[in-house]
Amino acid sequence: QVQLVESGGGLVQAGDSLTLSCAASGLTFSSTAMRWFRQAPGKEREFVATISWNGGATYYVDSVKGRFTISRDNAKNTVYLRMNSLKPEDTAIYYCAATRGTWAGPTAGVDYWGQGTQVTVSS
């Protein structure tokens, strides 16, 4: 059974930093593309960042470029999202997502979702 468990969310002030983690089990993590998505209240879920199977390639939505960094540790079956200079508009539930294969672009299908972790940024 595949499980993706996010952690690290919380309530922070604008300008602060947070690091989200997503621990995966039940899949071959080292050959799985990983992404982060988010869903703000009243809005559709949106793509945030993606990372290739070996961490060699990454891609971000424009709104987080230069502030967020996605990374992975295949030895720990974990993907991270480092979020700096947080803004109130970053407030959302953040989900990690796994897609079989070496790479998954922003619109690729998702094989597995995590349960999400809440990030709230106050102004």
N, C-alpha and C. Protein backbone atom coordinates (compact mmCIF):
# COMPACT_ATOMS: atom_id res chain seq x y z
N GLN A 1 0.84 -1.19 0.00
CA GLN A 1 0.00 0.00 0.00
C GLN A 1 0.88 1.25 0.00
N VAL A 2 0.62 2.12 -0.95
CA VAL A 2 1.39 3.35 -1.07
C VAL A 2 0.88 4.38 -0.08
N GLN A 3 1.81 5.00 0.61
CA GLN A 3 1.45 6.10 1.51
C GLN A 3 2.39 7.27 1.29
N LEU A 4 1.82 8.46 1.25
CA LEU A 4 2.57 9.71 1.22
C LEU A 4 2.11 10.51 2.42
N VAL A 5 3.04 10.83 3.30
CA VAL A 5 2.68 11.52 4.53
C VAL A 5 3.44 12.84 4.60
N GLU A 6 2.67 13.94 4.50
CA GLU A 6 3.26 15.27 4.58
C GLU A 6 3.37 15.72 6.03
N SER A 7 4.34 16.58 6.28
CA SER A 7 4.49 17.19 7.58
C SER A 7 5.22 18.51 7.42
N GLY A 8 5.21 19.31 8.49
CA GLY A 8 5.96 20.56 8.47
C GLY A 8 5.14 21.82 8.29
N GLY A 9 3.86 21.67 8.06
CA GLY A 9 3.02 22.85 7.90
C GLY A 9 2.83 23.57 9.23
N GLY A 10 2.23 24.74 9.16
CA GLY A 10 1.97 25.50 10.37
C GLY A 10 1.55 26.91 10.08
N LEU A 11 1.49 27.70 11.15
CA LEU A 11 1.12 29.11 11.06
C LEU A 11 2.39 29.94 11.21
N VAL A 12 2.65 30.77 10.22
CA VAL A 12 3.84 31.62 10.23
C VAL A 12 3.45 33.03 9.81
N GLN A 13 4.39 33.95 9.99
CA GLN A 13 4.17 35.32 9.55
C GLN A 13 4.78 35.54 8.17
N ALA A 14 4.29 36.54 7.50
CA ALA A 14 4.84 36.89 6.19
C ALA A 14 6.34 37.14 6.32
N GLY A 15 7.08 36.59 5.36
CA GLY A 15 8.53 36.72 5.38
C GLY A 15 9.26 35.55 6.03
N ASP A 16 8.52 34.73 6.76
CA ASP A 16 9.12 33.57 7.42
C ASP A 16 9.37 32.44 6.42
N SER A 17 9.98 31.39 6.93
CA SER A 17 10.29 30.21 6.12
C SER A 17 9.71 28.96 6.77
N LEU A 18 9.43 27.98 5.93
CA LEU A 18 8.98 26.66 6.37
C LEU A 18 9.56 25.62 5.43
N THR A 19 9.76 24.43 5.97
CA THR A 19 10.15 23.31 5.12
C THR A 19 9.13 22.19 5.31
N LEU A 20 8.49 21.82 4.21
CA LEU A 20 7.56 20.70 4.22
C LEU A 20 8.31 19.43 3.85
N SER A 21 7.87 18.33 4.42
CA SER A 21 8.43 17.02 4.09
C SER A 21 7.30 16.10 3.66
N CYS A 22 7.64 15.16 2.81
CA CYS A 22 6.69 14.14 2.38
C CYS A 22 7.42 12.81 2.37
N ALA A 23 7.05 11.95 3.29
CA ALA A 23 7.67 10.63 3.40
C ALA A 23 6.84 9.62 2.64
N ALA A 24 7.50 8.89 1.75
CA ALA A 24 6.80 7.92 0.90
C ALA A 24 7.13 6.50 1.31
N SER A 25 6.16 5.64 1.16
CA SER A 25 6.37 4.22 1.41
C SER A 25 5.48 3.42 0.47
N GLY A 26 5.89 2.18 0.23
CA GLY A 26 5.09 1.31 -0.62
C GLY A 26 5.31 1.48 -2.10
N LEU A 27 6.30 2.29 -2.48
CA LEU A 27 6.62 2.46 -3.89
C LEU A 27 8.14 2.53 -4.05
N THR A 28 8.57 2.41 -5.31
CA THR A 28 10.00 2.52 -5.59
C THR A 28 10.32 4.00 -5.75
N PHE A 29 10.64 4.61 -4.65
CA PHE A 29 10.76 6.07 -4.60
C PHE A 29 11.80 6.58 -5.58
N SER A 30 12.91 5.88 -5.72
CA SER A 30 14.01 6.38 -6.55
C SER A 30 13.68 6.39 -8.03
N SER A 31 12.58 5.80 -8.43
CA SER A 31 12.17 5.85 -9.84
C SER A 31 10.81 6.50 -10.00
N THR A 32 10.49 7.38 -9.06
CA THR A 32 9.21 8.05 -9.05
C THR A 32 9.40 9.55 -9.07
N ALA A 33 8.69 10.21 -9.99
CA ALA A 33 8.70 11.67 -10.02
C ALA A 33 7.80 12.20 -8.91
N MET A 34 8.22 13.27 -8.28
CA MET A 34 7.47 13.82 -7.16
C MET A 34 7.13 15.28 -7.42
N ARG A 35 5.96 15.68 -6.97
CA ARG A 35 5.51 17.06 -7.12
C ARG A 35 4.85 17.56 -5.84
N TRP A 36 4.77 18.85 -5.72
CA TRP A 36 3.98 19.53 -4.70
C TRP A 36 2.88 20.32 -5.40
N PHE A 37 1.70 20.23 -4.83
CA PHE A 37 0.56 21.03 -5.25
C PHE A 37 0.03 21.76 -4.02
N ARG A 38 -0.84 22.72 -4.26
CA ARG A 38 -1.49 23.40 -3.14
C ARG A 38 -2.90 23.79 -3.53
N GLN A 39 -3.74 23.93 -2.50
CA GLN A 39 -5.12 24.34 -2.73
C GLN A 39 -5.50 25.37 -1.67
N ALA A 40 -5.75 26.58 -2.14
CA ALA A 40 -6.17 27.66 -1.25
C ALA A 40 -7.69 27.60 -1.09
N PRO A 41 -8.21 28.19 -0.02
CA PRO A 41 -9.66 28.17 0.20
C PRO A 41 -10.42 28.76 -0.98
N GLY A 42 -11.39 28.04 -1.48
CA GLY A 42 -12.21 28.52 -2.58
C GLY A 42 -11.56 28.47 -3.94
N LYS A 43 -10.38 27.87 -4.02
CA LYS A 43 -9.68 27.81 -5.30
C LYS A 43 -9.39 26.36 -5.68
N GLU A 44 -9.07 26.18 -6.94
CA GLU A 44 -8.72 24.84 -7.41
C GLU A 44 -7.29 24.50 -6.98
N ARG A 45 -7.03 23.20 -6.89
CA ARG A 45 -5.68 22.76 -6.58
C ARG A 45 -4.74 23.18 -7.72
N GLU A 46 -3.57 23.70 -7.37
CA GLU A 46 -2.63 24.12 -8.38
C GLU A 46 -1.26 23.50 -8.17
N PHE A 47 -0.56 23.34 -9.28
CA PHE A 47 0.80 22.83 -9.26
C PHE A 47 1.73 23.85 -8.64
N VAL A 48 2.71 23.36 -7.86
CA VAL A 48 3.70 24.24 -7.25
C VAL A 48 5.11 23.94 -7.76
N ALA A 49 5.53 22.66 -7.68
CA ALA A 49 6.91 22.32 -8.04
C ALA A 49 6.99 20.84 -8.36
N THR A 50 7.96 20.50 -9.20
CA THR A 50 8.20 19.11 -9.55
C THR A 50 9.69 18.82 -9.55
N ILE A 51 10.03 17.57 -9.29
CA ILE A 51 11.43 17.15 -9.27
C ILE A 51 11.54 15.78 -9.91
N SER A 52 12.58 15.60 -10.70
CA SER A 52 12.79 14.32 -11.38
C SER A 52 13.23 13.25 -10.40
N TRP A 53 13.30 12.05 -10.90
CA TRP A 53 13.57 10.89 -10.06
C TRP A 53 14.89 11.00 -9.29
N ASN A 54 15.88 11.65 -9.89
CA ASN A 54 17.19 11.74 -9.25
C ASN A 54 17.51 13.15 -8.76
N GLY A 55 16.52 14.03 -8.82
CA GLY A 55 16.74 15.40 -8.37
C GLY A 55 17.46 16.28 -9.36
N GLY A 56 17.75 15.75 -10.54
CA GLY A 56 18.53 16.50 -11.49
C GLY A 56 17.77 17.58 -12.22
N ALA A 57 16.48 17.51 -12.20
CA ALA A 57 15.66 18.51 -12.87
C ALA A 57 14.52 18.94 -11.96
N THR A 58 14.25 20.23 -11.98
CA THR A 58 13.15 20.78 -11.20
C THR A 58 12.42 21.83 -12.03
N TYR A 59 11.22 22.13 -11.61
CA TYR A 59 10.43 23.17 -12.30
C TYR A 59 9.42 23.71 -11.31
N TYR A 60 9.15 25.04 -11.42
CA TYR A 60 8.28 25.70 -10.46
C TYR A 60 7.22 26.54 -11.16
N VAL A 61 6.12 26.70 -10.50
CA VAL A 61 5.14 27.68 -10.97
C VAL A 61 5.76 29.07 -10.76
N ASP A 62 5.43 30.00 -11.64
CA ASP A 62 6.08 31.32 -11.62
C ASP A 62 5.95 32.01 -10.25
N SER A 63 4.84 31.84 -9.61
CA SER A 63 4.58 32.58 -8.36
C SER A 63 5.51 32.19 -7.22
N VAL A 64 6.20 31.07 -7.33
CA VAL A 64 7.10 30.66 -6.24
C VAL A 64 8.56 30.61 -6.65
N LYS A 65 8.84 30.87 -7.91
CA LYS A 65 10.23 30.82 -8.39
C LYS A 65 11.08 31.80 -7.60
N GLY A 66 12.25 31.32 -7.19
CA GLY A 66 13.15 32.15 -6.42
C GLY A 66 12.88 32.13 -4.92
N ARG A 67 11.71 31.61 -4.52
CA ARG A 67 11.37 31.56 -3.09
C ARG A 67 11.28 30.13 -2.57
N PHE A 68 10.80 29.20 -3.39
CA PHE A 68 10.62 27.81 -2.99
C PHE A 68 11.68 26.94 -3.66
N THR A 69 12.09 25.89 -2.95
CA THR A 69 13.04 24.92 -3.49
C THR A 69 12.55 23.51 -3.19
N ILE A 70 12.40 22.72 -4.24
CA ILE A 70 12.03 21.32 -4.07
C ILE A 70 13.31 20.49 -4.10
N SER A 71 13.36 19.48 -3.25
CA SER A 71 14.52 18.59 -3.22
C SER A 71 14.05 17.22 -2.76
N ARG A 72 14.92 16.25 -2.88
CA ARG A 72 14.56 14.89 -2.47
C ARG A 72 15.78 14.18 -1.93
N ASP A 73 15.51 13.20 -1.06
CA ASP A 73 16.53 12.33 -0.52
C ASP A 73 16.05 10.90 -0.77
N ASN A 74 16.58 10.28 -1.78
CA ASN A 74 16.11 8.94 -2.15
C ASN A 74 16.47 7.90 -1.10
N ALA A 75 17.51 8.15 -0.33
CA ALA A 75 17.87 7.22 0.74
C ALA A 75 16.84 7.24 1.86
N LYS A 76 16.12 8.36 1.99
CA LYS A 76 15.10 8.49 3.03
C LYS A 76 13.68 8.44 2.47
N ASN A 77 13.56 8.22 1.17
CA ASN A 77 12.23 8.17 0.53
C ASN A 77 11.42 9.42 0.87
N THR A 78 12.07 10.56 0.80
CA THR A 78 11.43 11.79 1.24
C THR A 78 11.68 12.91 0.23
N VAL A 79 10.63 13.69 -0.02
CA VAL A 79 10.75 14.89 -0.83
C VAL A 79 10.43 16.08 0.06
N TYR A 80 11.11 17.19 -0.21
CA TYR A 80 10.99 18.39 0.62
C TYR A 80 10.54 19.58 -0.22
N LEU A 81 9.97 20.54 0.46
CA LEU A 81 9.68 21.83 -0.16
C LEU A 81 10.10 22.91 0.82
N ARG A 82 11.20 23.57 0.51
CA ARG A 82 11.67 24.67 1.32
C ARG A 82 11.00 25.94 0.81
N MET A 83 10.32 26.63 1.71
CA MET A 83 9.56 27.82 1.33
C MET A 83 10.11 29.01 2.10
N ASN A 84 10.70 29.94 1.37
CA ASN A 84 11.24 31.17 1.96
C ASN A 84 10.37 32.36 1.58
N SER A 85 10.55 33.44 2.32
CA SER A 85 9.84 34.70 2.02
C SER A 85 8.35 34.44 1.80
N LEU A 86 7.75 33.74 2.72
CA LEU A 86 6.35 33.37 2.56
C LEU A 86 5.44 34.59 2.55
N LYS A 87 4.40 34.50 1.76
CA LYS A 87 3.43 35.58 1.60
C LYS A 87 2.04 35.06 2.01
N PRO A 88 1.15 35.95 2.39
CA PRO A 88 -0.21 35.51 2.72
C PRO A 88 -0.87 34.71 1.61
N GLU A 89 -0.57 35.03 0.36
CA GLU A 89 -1.16 34.30 -0.75
C GLU A 89 -0.60 32.88 -0.91
N ASP A 90 0.40 32.52 -0.12
CA ASP A 90 0.88 31.14 -0.10
C ASP A 90 0.05 30.26 0.83
N THR A 91 -0.88 30.87 1.55
CA THR A 91 -1.74 30.11 2.45
C THR A 91 -2.55 29.09 1.66
N ALA A 92 -2.44 27.82 2.06
CA ALA A 92 -3.11 26.74 1.34
C ALA A 92 -2.83 25.42 2.06
N ILE A 93 -3.54 24.40 1.62
CA ILE A 93 -3.17 23.04 1.99
C ILE A 93 -2.19 22.56 0.92
N TYR A 94 -1.05 22.07 1.37
CA TYR A 94 -0.01 21.61 0.45
C TYR A 94 -0.03 20.08 0.40
N TYR A 95 -0.05 19.57 -0.82
CA TYR A 95 -0.10 18.14 -1.06
C TYR A 95 1.14 17.67 -1.83
N CYS A 96 1.67 16.54 -1.44
CA CYS A 96 2.68 15.94 -2.30
C CYS A 96 2.00 14.88 -3.18
N ALA A 97 2.62 14.63 -4.31
CA ALA A 97 2.03 13.74 -5.30
C ALA A 97 3.13 12.92 -5.95
N ALA A 98 2.84 11.67 -6.20
CA ALA A 98 3.80 10.76 -6.82
C ALA A 98 3.27 10.29 -8.17
N THR A 99 4.16 10.26 -9.14
CA THR A 99 3.82 9.76 -10.46
C THR A 99 4.91 8.80 -10.90
N ARG A 100 4.54 7.61 -11.28
CA ARG A 100 5.53 6.63 -11.73
C ARG A 100 6.26 7.15 -12.95
N GLY A 101 7.58 6.99 -12.94
CA GLY A 101 8.38 7.48 -14.05
C GLY A 101 9.43 8.45 -13.58
N THR A 102 10.28 8.87 -14.50
CA THR A 102 11.43 9.67 -14.11
C THR A 102 11.12 11.16 -14.02
N TRP A 103 10.01 11.58 -14.66
CA TRP A 103 9.68 13.01 -14.69
C TRP A 103 8.18 13.18 -14.83
N ALA A 104 7.65 14.20 -14.18
CA ALA A 104 6.25 14.54 -14.32
C ALA A 104 6.13 16.04 -14.40
N GLY A 105 5.64 16.54 -15.48
CA GLY A 105 5.44 17.97 -15.66
C GLY A 105 4.23 18.46 -14.88
N PRO A 106 3.97 19.75 -14.95
CA PRO A 106 2.89 20.35 -14.16
C PRO A 106 1.51 19.73 -14.39
N THR A 107 1.24 19.29 -15.60
CA THR A 107 -0.10 18.78 -15.91
C THR A 107 -0.18 17.27 -16.02
N ALA A 108 0.88 16.57 -15.73
CA ALA A 108 0.87 15.11 -15.81
C ALA A 108 -0.07 14.51 -14.77
N GLY A 109 -0.53 13.32 -15.05
CA GLY A 109 -1.40 12.65 -14.10
C GLY A 109 -0.69 12.30 -12.81
N VAL A 110 -1.46 12.10 -11.77
CA VAL A 110 -0.93 11.75 -10.46
C VAL A 110 -1.37 10.33 -10.11
N ASP A 111 -0.43 9.53 -9.70
CA ASP A 111 -0.76 8.17 -9.28
C ASP A 111 -1.18 8.11 -7.81
N TYR A 112 -0.52 8.91 -6.98
CA TYR A 112 -0.81 8.88 -5.55
C TYR A 112 -0.73 10.28 -4.97
N TRP A 113 -1.66 10.57 -4.05
CA TRP A 113 -1.69 11.84 -3.34
C TRP A 113 -1.45 11.62 -1.85
N GLY A 114 -0.82 12.61 -1.23
CA GLY A 114 -0.77 12.64 0.22
C GLY A 114 -2.04 13.26 0.76
N GLN A 115 -2.13 13.32 2.08
CA GLN A 115 -3.34 13.83 2.72
C GLN A 115 -3.32 15.35 2.88
N GLY A 116 -2.16 15.94 2.72
CA GLY A 116 -2.05 17.40 2.79
C GLY A 116 -1.60 17.90 4.15
N THR A 117 -0.96 19.07 4.13
CA THR A 117 -0.56 19.75 5.35
C THR A 117 -0.88 21.24 5.19
N GLN A 118 -1.45 21.84 6.22
CA GLN A 118 -1.90 23.22 6.14
C GLN A 118 -0.75 24.18 6.37
N VAL A 119 -0.64 25.16 5.50
CA VAL A 119 0.29 26.26 5.67
C VAL A 119 -0.53 27.54 5.71
N THR A 120 -0.39 28.30 6.77
CA THR A 120 -1.10 29.57 6.92
C THR A 120 -0.08 30.67 7.16
N VAL A 121 -0.13 31.70 6.32
CA VAL A 121 0.80 32.81 6.42
C VAL A 121 0.01 34.06 6.78
N SER A 122 0.31 34.62 7.93
CA SER A 122 -0.39 35.83 8.36
C SER A 122 0.38 37.07 7.93
N SER A 123 -0.35 38.14 7.70
CA SER A 123 0.29 39.39 7.24
C SER A 123 0.71 40.27 8.39
